[in-house]
Protein backbone atom coordinates (compact mmCIF):
# COMPACT_ATOMS: atom_id res chain seq x y z
CA MET A 1 0.00 0.00 0.00
CA THR A 2 1.10 3.57 -0.74
CA GLU A 3 -0.13 6.41 1.46
CA PRO A 4 -1.42 9.33 -0.64
CA PHE A 5 0.26 12.68 -0.13
CA PRO A 6 -1.87 14.75 2.29
CA GLY A 7 -2.26 17.85 0.14
CA PRO A 8 -4.09 20.91 1.49
CA SER A 9 -7.77 21.31 0.71
CA LEU A 10 -9.01 23.93 -1.72
CA PRO A 11 -10.35 26.29 1.00
CA THR A 12 -7.08 26.00 2.93
CA LEU A 13 -5.03 26.89 -0.14
CA ILE A 14 -7.29 29.81 -1.01
CA ASP A 15 -6.90 31.15 2.53
CA ALA A 16 -3.12 30.75 2.35
CA ILE A 17 -2.93 32.68 -0.92
CA ARG A 18 -5.32 35.41 0.22
CA SER A 19 -3.39 35.90 3.45
CA GLY A 20 -0.04 36.07 1.67
CA ARG A 21 1.38 32.98 3.35
CA LEU A 22 1.63 31.35 -0.08
CA THR A 23 1.93 32.96 -3.49
CA PRO A 24 0.30 31.63 -6.65
CA ALA A 25 3.78 31.15 -8.11
CA GLU A 26 4.87 29.03 -5.15
CA HIS A 27 1.69 26.97 -5.17
CA VAL A 28 1.78 26.28 -8.90
CA ALA A 29 5.50 25.41 -8.78
CA GLN A 30 4.85 22.91 -5.99
CA VAL A 31 1.99 21.34 -7.95
CA LEU A 32 4.06 21.08 -11.13
CA ASP A 33 6.90 19.43 -9.21
CA ARG A 34 4.53 16.85 -7.72
CA LEU A 35 2.92 16.13 -11.08
CA ALA A 36 6.32 15.76 -12.75
CA ALA A 37 7.26 13.07 -10.22
CA ASP A 38 3.91 11.23 -10.49
CA PRO A 39 4.29 7.42 -10.28
CA PHE A 40 0.57 6.69 -10.84
CA ASN A 41 0.30 7.59 -14.55
CA THR A 42 -2.19 10.38 -13.88
CA VAL A 43 -0.54 12.98 -16.12
CA ILE A 44 -0.88 13.21 -19.90
CA THR A 45 0.55 16.68 -20.55
CA LEU A 46 2.15 19.19 -18.19
CA ASP A 47 1.66 22.82 -19.22
CA VAL A 48 4.74 24.08 -17.38
CA GLU A 49 5.58 27.25 -19.28
CA ARG A 50 2.07 28.64 -19.55
CA ALA A 51 1.17 27.69 -15.99
CA THR A 52 4.34 29.23 -14.59
CA ALA A 53 3.81 32.44 -16.56
CA ALA A 54 0.16 32.69 -15.50
CA ALA A 55 1.07 32.10 -11.86
CA ALA A 56 3.68 34.88 -12.00
CA VAL A 57 1.08 37.34 -13.31
CA LEU A 58 -1.41 36.27 -10.66
CA THR A 59 1.25 36.70 -7.98
CA ASP A 60 1.93 40.26 -9.12
CA GLU A 61 -1.80 40.99 -9.09
CA ALA A 62 -2.16 39.55 -5.57
CA ASN A 63 0.73 41.70 -4.35
CA GLN A 64 -1.20 44.72 -5.62
CA GLY A 65 -4.42 43.60 -3.94
CA GLN A 66 -6.06 42.63 -7.23
CA TRP A 67 -8.06 39.40 -7.20
CA ARG A 68 -9.63 37.85 -10.27
CA GLY A 69 -11.99 35.66 -8.31
CA PRO A 70 -12.30 32.94 -5.66
CA LEU A 71 -9.77 30.64 -7.39
CA HIS A 72 -7.03 33.26 -7.82
CA GLY A 73 -3.78 31.32 -8.27
CA ILE A 74 -5.25 27.85 -7.68
CA ALA A 75 -3.86 24.96 -9.75
CA LEU A 76 -6.41 23.09 -11.88
CA GLY A 77 -6.12 19.70 -13.58
CA VAL A 78 -8.28 18.91 -16.61
CA LYS A 79 -9.35 15.50 -17.86
CA ASP A 80 -7.94 14.92 -21.35
CA LEU A 81 -11.42 14.83 -22.81
CA ILE A 82 -11.88 18.58 -22.30
CA ASP A 83 -10.32 21.26 -24.51
CA VAL A 84 -7.60 23.48 -23.08
CA VAL A 85 -6.23 26.17 -25.37
CA GLY A 86 -2.75 25.36 -26.63
CA LEU A 87 -2.89 21.67 -25.69
CA PRO A 88 -4.15 18.71 -27.73
CA THR A 89 -7.16 16.71 -26.58
CA ARG A 90 -6.21 13.07 -27.18
CA CYS A 91 -8.96 11.34 -25.15
CA GLY A 92 -6.63 8.54 -24.09
CA SER A 93 -6.50 7.19 -27.64
CA ASN A 94 -4.02 6.65 -30.46
CA VAL A 95 -6.83 7.72 -32.77
CA LEU A 96 -6.09 11.30 -31.70
CA GLN A 97 -2.35 10.93 -31.26
CA GLY A 98 -1.80 13.65 -33.87
CA ALA A 99 -4.54 15.98 -32.66
CA PRO A 100 -3.66 19.68 -32.99
CA PRO A 101 -3.69 21.96 -29.95
CA ALA A 102 -7.13 23.27 -29.06
CA SER A 103 -7.70 26.80 -30.29
CA VAL A 104 -9.99 27.80 -27.39
CA ASP A 105 -10.77 26.62 -23.89
CA ALA A 106 -13.94 24.66 -23.29
CA PRO A 107 -16.42 27.01 -21.55
CA VAL A 108 -16.05 25.11 -18.27
CA VAL A 109 -12.27 25.69 -18.34
CA ALA A 110 -12.72 29.32 -19.36
CA ARG A 111 -15.05 29.98 -16.43
CA LEU A 112 -12.58 28.58 -13.91
CA ARG A 113 -9.74 30.55 -15.48
CA THR A 114 -11.80 33.73 -15.22
CA ALA A 115 -12.08 33.03 -11.49
CA GLY A 116 -8.27 32.83 -11.29
CA ALA A 117 -7.53 29.13 -11.74
CA VAL A 118 -4.28 28.07 -13.44
CA VAL A 119 -4.43 25.00 -15.70
CA VAL A 120 -1.35 22.93 -14.95
CA ALA A 121 -2.01 19.62 -16.73
CA LYS A 122 -4.20 17.41 -18.87
CA LEU A 123 -4.96 14.23 -16.93
CA HIS A 124 -5.47 10.56 -17.75
CA THR A 125 -8.80 9.26 -19.05
CA GLN A 126 -10.11 5.87 -20.06
CA GLU A 127 -10.05 5.78 -23.87
CA PHE A 128 -12.81 8.12 -25.11
CA ALA A 129 -14.33 7.84 -21.61
CA HIS A 130 -15.68 4.45 -22.62
CA GLY A 131 -15.52 2.45 -19.42
CA PRO A 132 -15.60 2.75 -15.62
CA THR A 133 -12.20 1.24 -14.73
CA GLY A 134 -9.52 3.73 -15.82
CA ASP A 135 -7.14 0.99 -16.96
CA VAL A 136 -7.82 1.03 -20.72
CA ALA A 137 -5.98 3.83 -22.52
CA ALA A 138 -3.24 4.35 -25.09
CA THR A 139 -0.94 5.54 -22.29
CA GLY A 140 -1.61 2.50 -20.11
CA PRO A 141 -3.60 2.23 -16.88
CA ALA A 142 -3.87 4.91 -14.25
CA ARG A 143 -2.94 3.54 -10.83
CA ASN A 144 -4.71 4.02 -7.54
CA PRO A 145 -2.61 6.04 -5.06
CA HIS A 146 -3.86 3.81 -2.23
CA ASP A 147 -2.61 0.66 -3.98
CA PRO A 148 -0.86 1.05 -7.37
CA THR A 149 -1.79 -2.51 -8.37
CA ARG A 150 -5.45 -1.51 -8.43
CA ILE A 151 -7.65 0.61 -10.65
CA THR A 152 -8.54 4.22 -10.05
CA GLY A 153 -12.00 3.81 -11.52
CA GLY A 154 -12.95 5.72 -14.62
CA SER A 155 -13.28 7.34 -16.81
CA SER A 156 -12.02 10.44 -14.91
CA SER A 157 -9.11 8.34 -13.73
CA GLY A 158 -6.29 10.90 -13.68
CA SER A 159 -8.44 13.60 -12.14
CA ALA A 160 -9.45 11.45 -9.17
CA ALA A 161 -6.00 9.95 -8.65
CA ALA A 162 -4.21 13.31 -8.87
CA VAL A 163 -6.49 14.81 -6.21
CA ALA A 164 -6.21 11.67 -4.06
CA ALA A 165 -2.43 11.75 -4.30
CA GLY A 166 -2.44 15.34 -3.06
CA TYR A 167 -0.93 16.73 -6.25
CA LEU A 168 -3.54 19.43 -6.74
CA PRO A 169 -6.73 20.64 -5.04
CA LEU A 170 -9.17 20.69 -7.96
CA ALA A 171 -9.74 18.75 -11.15
CA LEU A 172 -12.36 18.58 -13.87
CA GLY A 173 -13.86 15.29 -15.00
CA THR A 174 -16.83 14.05 -16.97
CA ASP A 175 -19.60 11.67 -15.94
CA THR A 176 -21.84 9.81 -18.42
CA GLY A 177 -22.69 6.85 -16.21
CA CYS A 178 -20.33 7.01 -13.22
CA SER A 179 -17.13 8.62 -14.45
CA VAL A 180 -16.70 11.25 -11.73
CA ARG A 181 -18.32 9.42 -8.83
CA THR A 182 -16.78 5.96 -9.31
CA PRO A 183 -13.14 7.14 -9.43
CA ALA A 184 -13.91 9.50 -6.54
CA ALA A 185 -15.16 6.53 -4.52
CA LEU A 186 -12.30 4.23 -5.44
CA CYS A 187 -9.64 6.89 -4.82
CA GLY A 188 -11.16 8.38 -1.67
CA VAL A 189 -12.05 11.91 -2.80
CA VAL A 190 -15.21 13.94 -3.35
CA GLY A 191 -16.76 13.79 -6.82
CA LEU A 192 -19.70 15.97 -7.88
CA LYS A 193 -21.93 15.21 -10.87
CA PRO A 194 -24.17 18.23 -11.35
CA THR A 195 -27.67 18.30 -12.78
CA TYR A 196 -27.75 17.41 -16.47
CA GLY A 197 -27.21 20.55 -18.54
CA ALA A 198 -26.09 22.70 -15.60
CA VAL A 199 -22.54 22.87 -17.00
CA SER A 200 -21.87 23.27 -20.71
CA THR A 201 -20.37 20.26 -22.49
CA ASP A 202 -19.14 22.39 -25.40
CA GLY A 203 -15.48 21.65 -26.02
CA VAL A 204 -15.83 18.23 -24.37
CA PHE A 205 -15.44 15.12 -26.53
CA PRO A 206 -18.77 13.27 -26.28
CA LEU A 207 -19.37 9.76 -25.07
CA ALA A 208 -23.18 9.93 -25.16
CA GLU A 209 -24.56 13.42 -25.61
CA THR A 210 -27.90 12.80 -23.88
CA LEU A 211 -26.15 11.55 -20.73
CA ASP A 212 -22.84 13.45 -20.59
CA HIS A 213 -22.14 15.70 -17.59
CA VAL A 214 -19.06 17.73 -16.60
CA GLY A 215 -18.13 17.35 -12.93
CA LEU A 216 -15.63 18.28 -10.22
CA LEU A 217 -13.20 16.35 -8.04
CA THR A 218 -11.80 17.77 -4.80
CA SER A 219 -10.51 16.49 -1.49
CA ASP A 220 -13.57 17.58 0.52
CA ALA A 221 -17.13 18.84 0.22
CA ALA A 222 -16.22 22.43 1.11
CA GLY A 223 -13.84 22.56 -1.85
CA ALA A 224 -16.47 21.12 -4.17
CA ALA A 225 -19.03 23.66 -2.94
CA LEU A 226 -16.63 26.53 -3.54
CA ALA A 227 -15.74 25.32 -7.05
CA TRP A 228 -19.40 24.70 -7.82
CA SER A 229 -20.26 28.27 -6.83
CA VAL A 230 -17.74 29.45 -9.42
CA LEU A 231 -19.15 27.21 -12.14
CA HIS A 232 -22.75 27.92 -11.24
CA GLY A 233 -22.21 31.65 -10.83
CA ARG A 234 -23.68 32.02 -7.35
CA ASP A 235 -23.57 30.69 -3.81
CA ALA A 236 -26.38 28.78 -2.16
CA ALA A 237 -29.27 31.03 -1.19
CA VAL A 238 -29.95 29.30 2.15
CA PRO A 239 -27.66 26.58 3.57
CA VAL A 240 -29.39 23.26 4.16
CA THR A 241 -29.82 22.11 7.73
CA LEU A 242 -30.28 18.49 8.74
CA ASP A 243 -33.14 19.09 11.14
CA GLY A 244 -36.17 17.53 9.45
CA LEU A 245 -34.27 16.68 6.25
CA ARG A 246 -35.85 13.63 4.61
CA ILE A 247 -33.29 10.97 3.72
CA GLY A 248 -34.38 8.21 1.37
CA VAL A 249 -32.79 4.79 1.76
CA PRO A 250 -33.39 2.51 -1.26
CA VAL A 251 -34.08 -0.97 0.08
CA ASP A 252 -34.51 -2.98 -3.14
CA ASP A 253 -31.90 -5.68 -3.79
CA TYR A 254 -30.68 -3.69 -6.80
CA TRP A 255 -29.05 -1.05 -4.58
CA GLN A 256 -27.01 -3.43 -2.44
CA PRO A 257 -23.19 -3.64 -2.76
CA ALA A 258 -21.37 -6.82 -3.70
CA ASP A 259 -18.40 -6.16 -1.40
CA PRO A 260 -19.41 -6.75 2.24
CA ALA A 261 -16.88 -4.12 3.36
CA ILE A 262 -19.01 -1.44 1.67
CA ALA A 263 -22.34 -2.42 3.16
CA PRO A 264 -22.02 -0.83 6.65
CA TRP A 265 -21.06 2.62 5.42
CA PRO A 266 -24.26 3.92 3.78
CA ALA A 267 -26.08 2.80 6.93
CA ALA A 268 -23.46 4.59 9.05
CA ALA A 269 -23.95 7.73 6.97
CA VAL A 270 -27.71 7.58 7.41
CA ALA A 271 -27.31 7.04 11.17
CA ALA A 272 -24.95 10.01 11.46
CA LEU A 273 -27.34 12.28 9.58
CA ALA A 274 -30.31 11.01 11.57
CA ALA A 275 -28.47 11.75 14.81
CA ALA A 276 -28.22 15.36 13.62
CA GLY A 277 -31.97 15.60 13.08
CA ALA A 278 -32.66 14.09 9.67
CA ARG A 279 -35.66 11.84 9.12
CA VAL A 280 -35.08 8.44 7.47
CA VAL A 281 -37.54 7.10 4.90
CA GLU A 282 -37.25 3.71 3.22
CA VAL A 283 -38.03 3.85 -0.49
CA ARG A 284 -38.65 1.20 -3.12
CA THR A 285 -37.94 1.49 -6.83
CA PRO A 286 -39.74 -1.36 -8.64
CA MET A 287 -38.96 0.12 -12.07
CA ILE A 288 -35.19 0.28 -11.56
CA ASP A 289 -34.17 -2.85 -13.48
CA GLU A 290 -36.15 -1.85 -16.56
CA LEU A 291 -34.85 1.71 -16.38
CA VAL A 292 -31.17 0.81 -16.12
CA ALA A 293 -31.50 -1.70 -18.97
CA ALA A 294 -31.98 1.32 -21.24
CA TYR A 295 -28.62 2.80 -20.25
CA PRO A 296 -26.20 0.59 -22.26
CA LEU A 297 -28.43 0.86 -25.34
CA ILE A 298 -28.38 4.64 -25.23
CA VAL A 299 -24.65 4.93 -24.54
CA GLY A 300 -23.67 2.21 -26.99
CA ASN A 301 -25.66 3.59 -29.89
CA GLU A 302 -24.66 7.21 -29.33
CA ALA A 303 -20.98 6.32 -28.88
CA TYR A 304 -20.87 4.11 -31.97
CA THR A 305 -22.41 6.87 -34.07
CA THR A 306 -19.61 9.23 -32.97
CA HIS A 307 -16.88 6.72 -33.79
CA ALA A 308 -18.26 4.89 -36.86
CA ARG A 309 -16.06 6.67 -39.40
CA TRP A 310 -12.83 6.22 -37.43
CA LEU A 311 -13.71 2.59 -36.68
CA ALA A 312 -14.10 1.92 -40.39
CA ARG A 313 -10.80 3.58 -41.29
CA ARG A 314 -8.53 2.99 -38.27
CA PRO A 315 -9.85 0.18 -36.09
CA ALA A 316 -6.36 -0.85 -34.96
CA ASP A 317 -5.81 2.54 -33.32
CA TYR A 318 -8.43 1.75 -30.67
CA GLN A 319 -7.72 -0.24 -27.54
CA PRO A 320 -9.11 -3.76 -28.17
CA LEU A 321 -11.71 -3.67 -25.39
CA VAL A 322 -13.09 -0.28 -26.44
CA ARG A 323 -13.08 -1.26 -30.12
CA GLU A 324 -14.98 -4.46 -29.34
CA ARG A 325 -17.61 -2.63 -27.28
CA LEU A 326 -18.10 0.09 -29.89
CA LEU A 327 -18.35 -2.35 -32.80
CA SER A 328 -20.96 -4.41 -30.97
CA PHE A 329 -23.37 -1.59 -31.85
CA ALA A 330 -22.44 -1.38 -35.53
CA ASP A 331 -25.51 -3.15 -36.89
CA ARG A 332 -28.08 -2.50 -34.18
CA PRO A 333 -31.49 -1.33 -35.44
CA ALA A 334 -32.50 2.28 -34.80
CA VAL A 335 -35.71 1.06 -33.15
CA GLU A 336 -33.63 -0.27 -30.25
CA TYR A 337 -32.23 3.19 -29.45
CA ILE A 338 -35.60 4.88 -29.83
CA ARG A 339 -37.27 2.37 -27.53
CA ALA A 340 -34.52 2.85 -24.93
CA GLN A 341 -35.01 6.62 -24.94
CA ARG A 342 -38.78 6.18 -24.69
CA THR A 343 -38.29 3.80 -21.77
CA ARG A 344 -36.14 6.42 -20.10
CA ARG A 345 -38.75 9.15 -20.62
CA ARG A 346 -41.48 6.88 -19.25
CA LEU A 347 -39.67 5.54 -16.20
CA VAL A 348 -37.72 8.54 -14.88
CA PRO A 349 -41.01 10.19 -13.79
CA GLU A 350 -41.95 6.90 -12.13
CA LEU A 351 -38.62 6.88 -10.30
CA ARG A 352 -39.20 10.44 -9.13
CA ALA A 353 -42.70 9.55 -7.95
CA ALA A 354 -41.33 6.56 -6.02
CA VAL A 355 -38.76 8.68 -4.15
CA GLY A 356 -40.50 12.05 -4.38
CA ASP A 357 -41.17 12.37 -0.64
CA VAL A 358 -37.46 12.68 0.19
CA ASP A 359 -34.85 15.42 -0.15
CA VAL A 360 -31.88 13.14 -0.84
CA LEU A 361 -31.10 9.50 -1.39
CA VAL A 362 -28.15 7.94 0.44
CA LEU A 363 -26.63 4.76 -0.97
CA PRO A 364 -23.28 3.19 -1.89
CA THR A 365 -21.42 4.81 -4.78
CA THR A 366 -20.20 1.48 -6.13
CA ARG A 367 -20.79 -2.22 -5.52
CA LEU A 368 -17.04 -2.90 -5.37
CA ARG A 369 -13.90 -1.22 -4.06
CA ALA A 370 -10.87 -0.78 -6.34
CA THR A 371 -10.13 -4.06 -8.13
CA PRO A 372 -6.82 -5.32 -9.58
CA ILE A 373 -5.81 -3.62 -12.82
CA GLY A 374 -7.03 -5.61 -15.80
CA ALA A 375 -9.47 -7.80 -13.85
CA ALA A 376 -12.76 -8.32 -15.69
CA SER A 377 -14.30 -10.03 -12.66
CA VAL A 378 -13.43 -10.62 -9.01
CA PRO A 379 -14.54 -13.31 -6.54
CA MET A 380 -16.81 -11.99 -3.81
CA ASP A 381 -18.35 -14.33 -1.24
CA GLY A 382 -17.90 -17.28 -3.58
CA VAL A 383 -19.41 -15.52 -6.61
CA ASP A 384 -17.58 -13.97 -9.54
CA VAL A 385 -18.69 -10.33 -9.86
CA ASP A 386 -18.26 -8.55 -13.18
CA VAL A 387 -16.27 -5.41 -12.49
CA ARG A 388 -17.60 -2.94 -15.06
CA PRO A 389 -21.32 -3.38 -14.28
CA ALA A 390 -20.58 -3.26 -10.55
CA LEU A 391 -18.90 0.14 -10.92
CA LEU A 392 -21.72 1.55 -13.05
CA ALA A 393 -24.90 0.15 -11.56
CA LEU A 394 -25.48 2.49 -8.62
CA ASN A 395 -24.51 5.62 -10.56
CA SER A 396 -26.05 5.33 -14.03
CA PRO A 397 -29.69 5.73 -12.86
CA PHE A 398 -28.88 9.33 -11.96
CA ASN A 399 -27.38 10.05 -15.38
CA LEU A 400 -30.62 8.77 -16.85
CA SER A 401 -32.61 11.00 -14.49
CA GLY A 402 -30.15 13.90 -14.69
CA TRP A 403 -30.31 14.49 -10.90
CA PRO A 404 -27.26 15.91 -9.08
CA ALA A 405 -25.17 13.44 -7.07
CA VAL A 406 -21.96 13.52 -5.06
CA SER A 407 -19.70 10.75 -3.79
CA VAL A 408 -18.14 11.27 -0.34
CA PRO A 409 -15.39 9.03 1.06
CA ALA A 410 -16.10 7.01 4.18
CA PRO A 411 -13.50 7.24 6.98
CA VAL A 412 -11.87 3.86 6.35
CA ASP A 413 -8.33 2.55 6.45
CA GLY A 414 -7.12 0.77 3.33
CA LEU A 415 -9.08 0.78 0.09
CA PRO A 416 -11.51 3.71 -0.02
CA ILE A 417 -15.30 3.39 0.01
CA GLY A 418 -17.70 6.00 -1.33
CA VAL A 419 -21.15 6.97 -0.11
CA GLN A 420 -23.38 8.65 -2.68
CA ILE A 421 -25.78 11.49 -1.88
CA VAL A 422 -28.33 12.12 -4.64
CA GLY A 423 -30.43 15.25 -4.91
CA VAL A 424 -34.15 14.55 -5.28
CA GLY A 425 -35.51 17.70 -3.68
CA LEU A 426 -32.14 19.44 -3.30
CA ASP A 427 -29.78 21.02 -5.83
CA GLU A 428 -25.98 20.83 -5.96
CA HIS A 429 -25.48 23.25 -3.10
CA GLY A 430 -27.94 21.26 -1.01
CA ILE A 431 -26.33 17.87 -1.50
CA LEU A 432 -22.90 19.39 -0.85
CA ASP A 433 -24.22 20.84 2.41
CA VAL A 434 -25.37 17.33 3.36
CA ALA A 435 -21.98 15.93 2.32
CA ALA A 436 -20.19 18.52 4.47
CA ALA A 437 -22.40 17.65 7.43
CA LEU A 438 -21.54 13.99 6.97
CA GLU A 439 -17.83 14.80 6.84
CA ARG A 440 -18.15 16.73 10.12
CA ALA A 441 -20.00 13.87 11.77
CA TRP A 442 -17.29 11.41 10.73
CA ARG A 443 -14.30 13.44 11.93
């Protein structure tokens, strides 16, 4: 086991820079040094010259009392699926090995830069974000800072691992079915998937346009809330209190983890919140199996459509697993996709009706902890559990619904475990308030 570097949280770094105890130039130099020495394969491209120059300007501005915004001088890592001006977007694939530098920042990057953030690196991604493990990419697997023989989760593999390793305080990822929350859970950090459409996906290479979200990874809920305020453009109007908050606990078999080590922690989270005044409500979701069956049909068909031309011309440039999964949708009838989308439109309202009396759902983020790199299945209580479905299953329903969700690490030794808080009656600020309350209860 390797102990991750205990890097400062985003609020702590902001306070240090604002108080003058740390300059943007010093902070960015420290981050670049850590990223340059990375043993976990989180880094795709370091932007040393531009980051150093930007940090110098921001340091001069800070010395003059000029502040661009809440993230003035803060280092930012960006998943290599998202455009950063001057750097290529290769999406973890040899297909884009010769991609030219992006001519403009994706809007999500531009907004964070406007608030003072300094982009320091493009970070590892599963090839074209197609998979939840983080170990299938042209540059090889990303490695979990808690145990380098194990996966980070994906597809925002480098973003989660870089934050977990303490290299930087903030990273951007994407989430189509689990790709912020699963690596957050497996690496032991906070991962926020906002409401569908709340953050622009312009300048982000698509996996499945009707499910794609851009999200954030930080070391704690306070950092995620601060970064979300920047992206969203405003702070929460009224902080959420736990007194009387209605917590939904899904009790169907579908929502249960496969790893027995995970099982106690959602219950512990619910108990901690209930002790602070929240009200616990058991909920049932009889439509869940039919709803989630639509997910792979939507993703598979949309992804194949994006890649069909390259697959016909350059199939060998794809990683074998990704190529096989994409090509499995080559001859599927259009009626299949249309039916899946109609199923989604029919059942998401039913899901909301089933859980509509609660403010949040609390459940495991994943059915498994980090598994060995390359393992397609793992034995669990005498049963072989398929890894990819186990990492997706508890997350993808909330891509289909578009509801906001955040994964928060449980206070465990060894391999991390994530607890997911899903907003039913609460927005992003609300679920992050609940996450922060849970963190306080677990300290």
